[in-house]
Amino acid sequence: MTTVDESTGAHAADTRAADAAAAEAAANAANPALVGVPTFVIGSVALGLYLIGFTGSSANAAIGMVPILIMCNGIGQLIACVWAIRLGAGPVAAIFGIFAGFWLSFSTLVLGLGHNWFGDASGDAAVAAQETFLLTWLIGVVVLTLASLRLPSVFTLLFVLVDIALLLVLLGTSSGSTGLLFGGGIAVFAFSLVGVYLFFDAMSVANGGSSLPMGKPIIGG
């Protein structure tokens, strides 16, 4: 009887281990970053191209960017946010929810200024509106950056680069400096590259591979 009991117990343990492994694999595959990160990167590239002047300097230069920001970034971040909420991943939902708000509000700003949705948006009024938007979001993302210090350092790097981009664009908008705006575009491309790295990590893990190095958290690492 002892041999039979031991065999049965070992079989049950193996079954539980297999179930745990299957559950872990399913959890790794169900990663909101698989949607949230690539959509973030795609729209960021469009924004970077706009800032460096690739799309031209006319009043219609944002035409190619805005549809991407709404239909790719905005909706993509919302999908990732809801997905993370359903998984019970609160911090991930917060990050994607915050950036959904950024991309959708930025698109609304561009469209609103271009079509005078919120009143006369010419001259100083347009500059003031952009400054208000950029300063508000700079403060918001700085708060997010500080709150992320317990996350792997690659996320903090991403948020710091977003902070730098927002600051440069704010200063460039206030001073009318195309050089600062160009620098903001370079910062956008830099955090886009970090996003590509995070997407490669998510895809690797989802397909059964190993995770890429994420770096130790600045706090608690």
C-alpha atoms as a PDB file:
ATOM      1  CA  MET A   1       0.000   0.000   0.000  1.00  0.00           C
ATOM      2  CA  THR A   2       2.878   2.340   0.774  1.00  0.00           C
ATOM      3  CA  THR A   3       4.233   2.008  -2.751  1.00  0.00           C
ATOM      4  CA  VAL A   4       0.817   2.684  -4.248  1.00  0.00           C
ATOM      5  CA  ASP A   5       0.275   5.718  -2.015  1.00  0.00           C
ATOM      6  CA  GLU A   6       3.674   7.152  -2.876  1.00  0.00           C
ATOM      7  CA  SER A   7       3.041   6.630  -6.582  1.00  0.00           C
ATOM      8  CA  THR A   8      -0.357   8.313  -6.374  1.00  0.00           C
ATOM      9  CA  GLY A   9       1.094  11.253  -4.420  1.00  0.00           C
ATOM     10  CA  ALA A  10       3.922  11.690  -6.906  1.00  0.00           C
ATOM     11  CA  HIS A  11       1.468  11.621  -9.809  1.00  0.00           C
ATOM     12  CA  ALA A  12      -0.701  14.261  -8.117  1.00  0.00           C
ATOM     13  CA  ALA A  13       2.344  16.440  -7.487  1.00  0.00           C
ATOM     14  CA  ASP A  14       3.395  16.140 -11.120  1.00  0.00           C
ATOM     15  CA  THR A  15      -0.123  17.088 -12.234  1.00  0.00           C
ATOM     16  CA  ARG A  16      -0.149  20.154 -10.004  1.00  0.00           C
ATOM     17  CA  ALA A  17       3.264  21.182 -11.283  1.00  0.00           C
ATOM     18  CA  ALA A  18       2.107  20.794 -14.876  1.00  0.00           C
ATOM     19  CA  ASP A  19      -1.031  22.799 -14.173  1.00  0.00           C
ATOM     20  CA  ALA A  20       1.025  25.531 -12.504  1.00  0.00           C
ATOM     21  CA  ALA A  21       3.398  25.650 -15.465  1.00  0.00           C
ATOM     22  CA  ALA A  22       0.469  25.850 -17.886  1.00  0.00           C
ATOM     23  CA  ALA A  23      -1.115  28.634 -15.837  1.00  0.00           C
ATOM     24  CA  GLU A  24       2.156  30.569 -15.783  1.00  0.00           C
ATOM     25  CA  ALA A  25       2.577  30.167 -19.543  1.00  0.00           C
ATOM     26  CA  ALA A  26      -0.988  31.385 -20.103  1.00  0.00           C
ATOM     27  CA  ALA A  27      -0.361  34.383 -17.829  1.00  0.00           C
ATOM     28  CA  ASN A  28       2.816  35.271 -19.729  1.00  0.00           C
ATOM     29  CA  ALA A  29       0.983  35.032 -23.051  1.00  0.00           C
ATOM     30  CA  ALA A  30      -1.902  37.202 -21.762  1.00  0.00           C
ATOM     31  CA  ASN A  31       0.182  40.355 -21.452  1.00  0.00           C
ATOM     32  CA  PRO A  32      -1.471  43.736 -22.131  1.00  0.00           C
ATOM     33  CA  ALA A  33       1.935  45.045 -23.207  1.00  0.00           C
ATOM     34  CA  LEU A  34       1.555  42.999 -26.398  1.00  0.00           C
ATOM     35  CA  VAL A  35      -1.031  45.562 -27.525  1.00  0.00           C
ATOM     36  CA  GLY A  36      -0.191  48.607 -25.426  1.00  0.00           C
ATOM     37  CA  VAL A  37       3.525  48.878 -26.165  1.00  0.00           C
ATOM     38  CA  PRO A  38       3.577  48.532 -29.987  1.00  0.00           C
ATOM     39  CA  THR A  39       0.674  50.953 -30.405  1.00  0.00           C
ATOM     40  CA  PHE A  40       2.531  53.381 -28.134  1.00  0.00           C
ATOM     41  CA  VAL A  41       5.660  53.045 -30.277  1.00  0.00           C
ATOM     42  CA  ILE A  42       3.869  53.510 -33.600  1.00  0.00           C
ATOM     43  CA  GLY A  43       2.208  56.749 -32.550  1.00  0.00           C
ATOM     44  CA  SER A  44       5.406  57.981 -30.923  1.00  0.00           C
ATOM     45  CA  VAL A  45       7.277  57.566 -34.204  1.00  0.00           C
ATOM     46  CA  ALA A  46       4.574  59.604 -35.953  1.00  0.00           C
ATOM     47  CA  LEU A  47       4.924  62.336 -33.303  1.00  0.00           C
ATOM     48  CA  GLY A  48       8.720  62.296 -33.611  1.00  0.00           C
ATOM     49  CA  LEU A  49       8.526  62.699 -37.386  1.00  0.00           C
ATOM     50  CA  TYR A  50       6.197  65.667 -36.913  1.00  0.00           C
ATOM     51  CA  LEU A  51       8.495  67.338 -34.374  1.00  0.00           C
ATOM     52  CA  ILE A  52      11.638  67.051 -36.484  1.00  0.00           C
ATOM     53  CA  GLY A  53       9.814  68.607 -39.425  1.00  0.00           C
ATOM     54  CA  PHE A  54       9.572  65.488 -41.597  1.00  0.00           C
ATOM     55  CA  THR A  55       5.891  66.200 -42.301  1.00  0.00           C
ATOM     56  CA  GLY A  56       6.584  69.798 -43.283  1.00  0.00           C
ATOM     57  CA  SER A  57       5.910  73.150 -41.665  1.00  0.00           C
ATOM     58  CA  SER A  58       2.460  73.933 -43.053  1.00  0.00           C
ATOM     59  CA  ALA A  59      -0.717  74.196 -41.002  1.00  0.00           C
ATOM     60  CA  ASN A  60      -1.675  70.768 -42.340  1.00  0.00           C
ATOM     61  CA  ALA A  61       1.512  69.034 -41.191  1.00  0.00           C
ATOM     62  CA  ALA A  62      -0.354  67.053 -38.508  1.00  0.00           C
ATOM     63  CA  ILE A  63      -2.840  65.446 -40.924  1.00  0.00           C
ATOM     64  CA  GLY A  64      -0.897  62.192 -41.194  1.00  0.00           C
ATOM     65  CA  MET A  65      -0.219  62.027 -37.445  1.00  0.00           C
ATOM     66  CA  VAL A  66      -3.629  62.599 -35.867  1.00  0.00           C
ATOM     67  CA  PRO A  67      -5.411  59.498 -37.256  1.00  0.00           C
ATOM     68  CA  ILE A  68      -2.562  57.339 -35.941  1.00  0.00           C
ATOM     69  CA  LEU A  69      -2.705  58.946 -32.509  1.00  0.00           C
ATOM     70  CA  ILE A  70      -6.458  58.387 -32.213  1.00  0.00           C
ATOM     71  CA  MET A  71      -7.029  55.034 -33.891  1.00  0.00           C
ATOM     72  CA  CYS A  72      -3.730  53.377 -32.933  1.00  0.00           C
ATOM     73  CA  ASN A  73      -2.367  55.019 -29.793  1.00  0.00           C
ATOM     74  CA  GLY A  74      -5.562  56.100 -28.098  1.00  0.00           C
ATOM     75  CA  ILE A  75      -7.595  52.977 -28.759  1.00  0.00           C
ATOM     76  CA  GLY A  76      -4.575  50.690 -28.320  1.00  0.00           C
ATOM     77  CA  GLN A  77      -3.779  52.134 -24.899  1.00  0.00           C
ATOM     78  CA  LEU A  78      -7.432  51.845 -23.842  1.00  0.00           C
ATOM     79  CA  ILE A  79      -7.559  48.200 -24.902  1.00  0.00           C
ATOM     80  CA  ALA A  80      -4.361  47.477 -22.968  1.00  0.00           C
ATOM     81  CA  CYS A  81      -5.737  49.335 -19.928  1.00  0.00           C
ATOM     82  CA  VAL A  82      -8.981  47.325 -19.887  1.00  0.00           C
ATOM     83  CA  TRP A  83      -7.033  44.108 -20.483  1.00  0.00           C
ATOM     84  CA  ALA A  84      -4.781  44.873 -17.505  1.00  0.00           C
ATOM     85  CA  ILE A  85      -7.797  45.679 -15.307  1.00  0.00           C
ATOM     86  CA  ARG A  86      -9.352  42.305 -16.170  1.00  0.00           C
ATOM     87  CA  LEU A  87      -6.077  40.610 -15.180  1.00  0.00           C
ATOM     88  CA  GLY A  88      -5.987  42.529 -11.898  1.00  0.00           C
ATOM     89  CA  ALA A  89      -2.747  44.281 -12.908  1.00  0.00           C
ATOM     90  CA  GLY A  90      -3.428  47.688 -11.390  1.00  0.00           C
ATOM     91  CA  PRO A  91      -0.056  49.389 -12.009  1.00  0.00           C
ATOM     92  CA  VAL A  92      -0.030  48.271 -15.640  1.00  0.00           C
ATOM     93  CA  ALA A  93      -3.610  49.514 -16.093  1.00  0.00           C
ATOM     94  CA  ALA A  94      -2.616  52.859 -14.559  1.00  0.00           C
ATOM     95  CA  ILE A  95       0.297  53.330 -16.967  1.00  0.00           C
ATOM     96  CA  PHE A  96      -1.699  52.472 -20.072  1.00  0.00           C
ATOM     97  CA  GLY A  97      -4.677  54.504 -18.845  1.00  0.00           C
ATOM     98  CA  ILE A  98      -2.501  57.578 -18.298  1.00  0.00           C
ATOM     99  CA  PHE A  99      -0.978  57.358 -21.767  1.00  0.00           C
ATOM    100  CA  ALA A 100      -4.400  56.739 -23.329  1.00  0.00           C
ATOM    101  CA  GLY A 101      -5.413  60.049 -21.787  1.00  0.00           C
ATOM    102  CA  PHE A 102      -2.314  61.740 -23.166  1.00  0.00           C
ATOM    103  CA  TRP A 103      -2.674  60.565 -26.751  1.00  0.00           C
ATOM    104  CA  LEU A 104      -6.414  61.175 -26.945  1.00  0.00           C
ATOM    105  CA  SER A 105      -6.200  64.618 -25.342  1.00  0.00           C
ATOM    106  CA  PHE A 106      -3.276  65.548 -27.598  1.00  0.00           C
ATOM    107  CA  SER A 107      -5.279  64.553 -30.660  1.00  0.00           C
ATOM    108  CA  THR A 108      -8.217  66.591 -29.385  1.00  0.00           C
ATOM    109  CA  LEU A 109      -5.925  69.590 -28.865  1.00  0.00           C
ATOM    110  CA  VAL A 110      -4.538  69.402 -32.396  1.00  0.00           C
ATOM    111  CA  LEU A 111      -7.998  69.042 -33.944  1.00  0.00           C
ATOM    112  CA  GLY A 112      -9.472  71.691 -31.676  1.00  0.00           C
ATOM    113  CA  LEU A 113      -6.807  74.243 -32.541  1.00  0.00           C
ATOM    114  CA  GLY A 114      -7.060  73.458 -36.245  1.00  0.00           C
ATOM    115  CA  HIS A 115     -10.857  73.851 -36.348  1.00  0.00           C
ATOM    116  CA  ASN A 116     -11.428  76.416 -33.561  1.00  0.00           C
ATOM    117  CA  TRP A 117     -13.556  73.944 -31.603  1.00  0.00           C
ATOM    118  CA  PHE A 118     -12.946  75.750 -28.316  1.00  0.00           C
ATOM    119  CA  GLY A 119     -12.982  79.342 -29.530  1.00  0.00           C
ATOM    120  CA  ASP A 120     -10.541  81.553 -31.410  1.00  0.00           C
ATOM    121  CA  ALA A 121      -7.254  79.611 -31.427  1.00  0.00           C
ATOM    122  CA  SER A 122      -5.088  82.026 -33.364  1.00  0.00           C
ATOM    123  CA  GLY A 123      -1.839  83.695 -32.313  1.00  0.00           C
ATOM    124  CA  ASP A 124      -1.062  83.903 -28.607  1.00  0.00           C
ATOM    125  CA  ALA A 125      -4.183  81.936 -27.644  1.00  0.00           C
ATOM    126  CA  ALA A 126      -2.945  78.893 -29.548  1.00  0.00           C
ATOM    127  CA  VAL A 127       0.507  79.106 -27.967  1.00  0.00           C
ATOM    128  CA  ALA A 128      -0.994  79.490 -24.492  1.00  0.00           C
ATOM    129  CA  ALA A 129      -3.230  76.471 -25.067  1.00  0.00           C
ATOM    130  CA  GLN A 130      -0.260  74.341 -26.097  1.00  0.00           C
ATOM    131  CA  GLU A 131       1.814  75.560 -23.156  1.00  0.00           C
ATOM    132  CA  THR A 132      -0.987  74.691 -20.735  1.00  0.00           C
ATOM    133  CA  PHE A 133      -1.339  71.239 -22.251  1.00  0.00           C
ATOM    134  CA  LEU A 134       2.390  70.504 -22.246  1.00  0.00           C
ATOM    135  CA  LEU A 135       3.054  71.814 -18.739  1.00  0.00           C
ATOM    136  CA  THR A 136       0.117  69.865 -17.303  1.00  0.00           C
ATOM    137  CA  TRP A 137       1.258  66.637 -18.880  1.00  0.00           C
ATOM    138  CA  LEU A 138       4.882  67.258 -17.964  1.00  0.00           C
ATOM    139  CA  ILE A 139       3.845  67.496 -14.306  1.00  0.00           C
ATOM    140  CA  GLY A 140       1.688  64.395 -14.654  1.00  0.00           C
ATOM    141  CA  VAL A 141       4.410  62.263 -16.232  1.00  0.00           C
ATOM    142  CA  VAL A 142       7.010  63.468 -13.708  1.00  0.00           C
ATOM    143  CA  VAL A 143       4.667  62.193 -10.988  1.00  0.00           C
ATOM    144  CA  LEU A 144       4.377  58.891 -12.887  1.00  0.00           C
ATOM    145  CA  THR A 145       8.173  58.756 -13.153  1.00  0.00           C
ATOM    146  CA  LEU A 146       8.607  59.164  -9.405  1.00  0.00           C
ATOM    147  CA  ALA A 147       5.909  56.573  -8.757  1.00  0.00           C
ATOM    148  CA  SER A 148       7.708  54.108 -11.037  1.00  0.00           C
ATOM    149  CA  LEU A 149      10.955  54.010  -9.075  1.00  0.00           C
ATOM    150  CA  ARG A 150      10.044  50.593  -7.636  1.00  0.00           C
ATOM    151  CA  LEU A 151       9.563  49.189 -11.136  1.00  0.00           C
ATOM    152  CA  PRO A 152      12.489  47.770 -13.159  1.00  0.00           C
ATOM    153  CA  SER A 153      14.705  50.671 -14.209  1.00  0.00           C
ATOM    154  CA  VAL A 154      13.918  50.328 -17.923  1.00  0.00           C
ATOM    155  CA  PHE A 155      10.441  51.718 -17.182  1.00  0.00           C
ATOM    156  CA  THR A 156      11.907  54.646 -15.273  1.00  0.00           C
ATOM    157  CA  LEU A 157      14.205  55.322 -18.252  1.00  0.00           C
ATOM    158  CA  LEU A 158      11.180  55.341 -20.548  1.00  0.00           C
ATOM    159  CA  PHE A 159       9.317  57.840 -18.383  1.00  0.00           C
ATOM    160  CA  VAL A 160      12.388  60.085 -17.933  1.00  0.00           C
ATOM    161  CA  LEU A 161      12.765  60.280 -21.711  1.00  0.00           C
ATOM    162  CA  VAL A 162       9.089  61.187 -22.016  1.00  0.00           C
ATOM    163  CA  ASP A 163       9.681  63.922 -19.418  1.00  0.00           C
ATOM    164  CA  ILE A 164      12.619  65.275 -21.431  1.00  0.00           C
ATOM    165  CA  ALA A 165      10.596  65.246 -24.647  1.00  0.00           C
ATOM    166  CA  LEU A 166       7.706  67.122 -23.036  1.00  0.00           C
ATOM    167  CA  LEU A 167      10.080  69.688 -21.506  1.00  0.00           C
ATOM    168  CA  LEU A 168      11.883  70.341 -24.790  1.00  0.00           C
ATOM    169  CA  VAL A 169       8.624  70.678 -26.718  1.00  0.00           C
ATOM    170  CA  LEU A 170       7.248  73.000 -24.030  1.00  0.00           C
ATOM    171  CA  LEU A 171      10.339  75.222 -24.204  1.00  0.00           C
ATOM    172  CA  GLY A 172      10.343  75.092 -27.990  1.00  0.00           C
ATOM    173  CA  THR A 173       6.676  76.053 -28.149  1.00  0.00           C
ATOM    174  CA  SER A 174       7.134  78.930 -25.689  1.00  0.00           C
ATOM    175  CA  SER A 175      10.173  80.352 -27.466  1.00  0.00           C
ATOM    176  CA  GLY A 176       9.246  79.450 -31.025  1.00  0.00           C
ATOM    177  CA  SER A 177      12.498  77.499 -31.338  1.00  0.00           C
ATOM    178  CA  THR A 178      12.513  74.837 -34.047  1.00  0.00           C
ATOM    179  CA  GLY A 179      15.809  73.586 -32.605  1.00  0.00           C
ATOM    180  CA  LEU A 180      14.195  72.713 -29.279  1.00  0.00           C
ATOM    181  CA  LEU A 181      11.277  71.085 -31.072  1.00  0.00           C
ATOM    182  CA  PHE A 182      13.755  69.043 -33.095  1.00  0.00           C
ATOM    183  CA  GLY A 183      15.447  68.004 -29.843  1.00  0.00           C
ATOM    184  CA  GLY A 184      12.041  66.994 -28.512  1.00  0.00           C
ATOM    185  CA  GLY A 185      11.585  64.831 -31.583  1.00  0.00           C
ATOM    186  CA  ILE A 186      14.922  63.109 -30.944  1.00  0.00           C
ATOM    187  CA  ALA A 187      13.826  62.428 -27.342  1.00  0.00           C
ATOM    188  CA  VAL A 188      10.590  60.942 -28.699  1.00  0.00           C
ATOM    189  CA  PHE A 189      12.583  58.590 -30.939  1.00  0.00           C
ATOM    190  CA  ALA A 190      14.721  57.657 -27.923  1.00  0.00           C
ATOM    191  CA  PHE A 191      11.777  56.583 -25.791  1.00  0.00           C
ATOM    192  CA  SER A 192      10.312  54.833 -28.833  1.00  0.00           C
ATOM    193  CA  LEU A 193      13.445  52.654 -28.926  1.00  0.00           C
ATOM    194  CA  VAL A 194      12.919  51.783 -25.259  1.00  0.00           C
ATOM    195  CA  GLY A 195       9.360  50.843 -26.183  1.00  0.00           C
ATOM    196  CA  VAL A 196      10.666  48.554 -28.940  1.00  0.00           C
ATOM    197  CA  TYR A 197      12.888  46.845 -26.355  1.00  0.00           C
ATOM    198  CA  LEU A 198       9.905  46.321 -24.049  1.00  0.00           C
ATOM    199  CA  PHE A 199       7.853  44.907 -26.914  1.00  0.00           C
ATOM    200  CA  PHE A 200      10.605  42.440 -27.811  1.00  0.00           C
ATOM    201  CA  ASP A 201      10.664  41.350 -24.173  1.00  0.00           C
ATOM    202  CA  ALA A 202       6.889  40.836 -24.081  1.00  0.00           C
ATOM    203  CA  MET A 203       6.902  38.871 -27.334  1.00  0.00           C
ATOM    204  CA  SER A 204       9.816  36.719 -26.214  1.00  0.00           C
ATOM    205  CA  VAL A 205       8.136  35.751 -22.944  1.00  0.00           C
ATOM    206  CA  ALA A 206       4.738  35.207 -24.602  1.00  0.00           C
ATOM    207  CA  ASN A 207       6.334  32.795 -27.076  1.00  0.00           C
ATOM    208  CA  GLY A 208       8.064  30.749 -24.394  1.00  0.00           C
ATOM    209  CA  GLY A 209      11.410  32.521 -24.465  1.00  0.00           C
ATOM    210  CA  SER A 210      13.342  34.233 -21.720  1.00  0.00           C
ATOM    211  CA  SER A 211      12.799  37.769 -20.509  1.00  0.00           C
ATOM    212  CA  LEU A 212      15.218  40.496 -21.552  1.00  0.00           C
ATOM    213  CA  PRO A 213      17.158  42.305 -18.796  1.00  0.00           C
ATOM    214  CA  MET A 214      14.921  44.989 -17.288  1.00  0.00           C
ATOM    215  CA  GLY A 215      17.346  46.488 -14.765  1.00  0.00           C
ATOM    216  CA  LYS A 216      17.024  46.751 -11.004  1.00  0.00           C
ATOM    217  CA  PRO A 217      14.484  49.162  -9.506  1.00  0.00           C
ATOM    218  CA  ILE A 218      16.020  52.410  -8.260  1.00  0.00           C
ATOM    219  CA  ILE A 219      14.126  51.998  -4.985  1.00  0.00           C
ATOM    220  CA  GLY A 220      14.136  48.546  -3.427  1.00  0.00           C
ATOM    221  CA  GLY A 221      16.467  47.098  -6.016  1.00  0.00           C
END
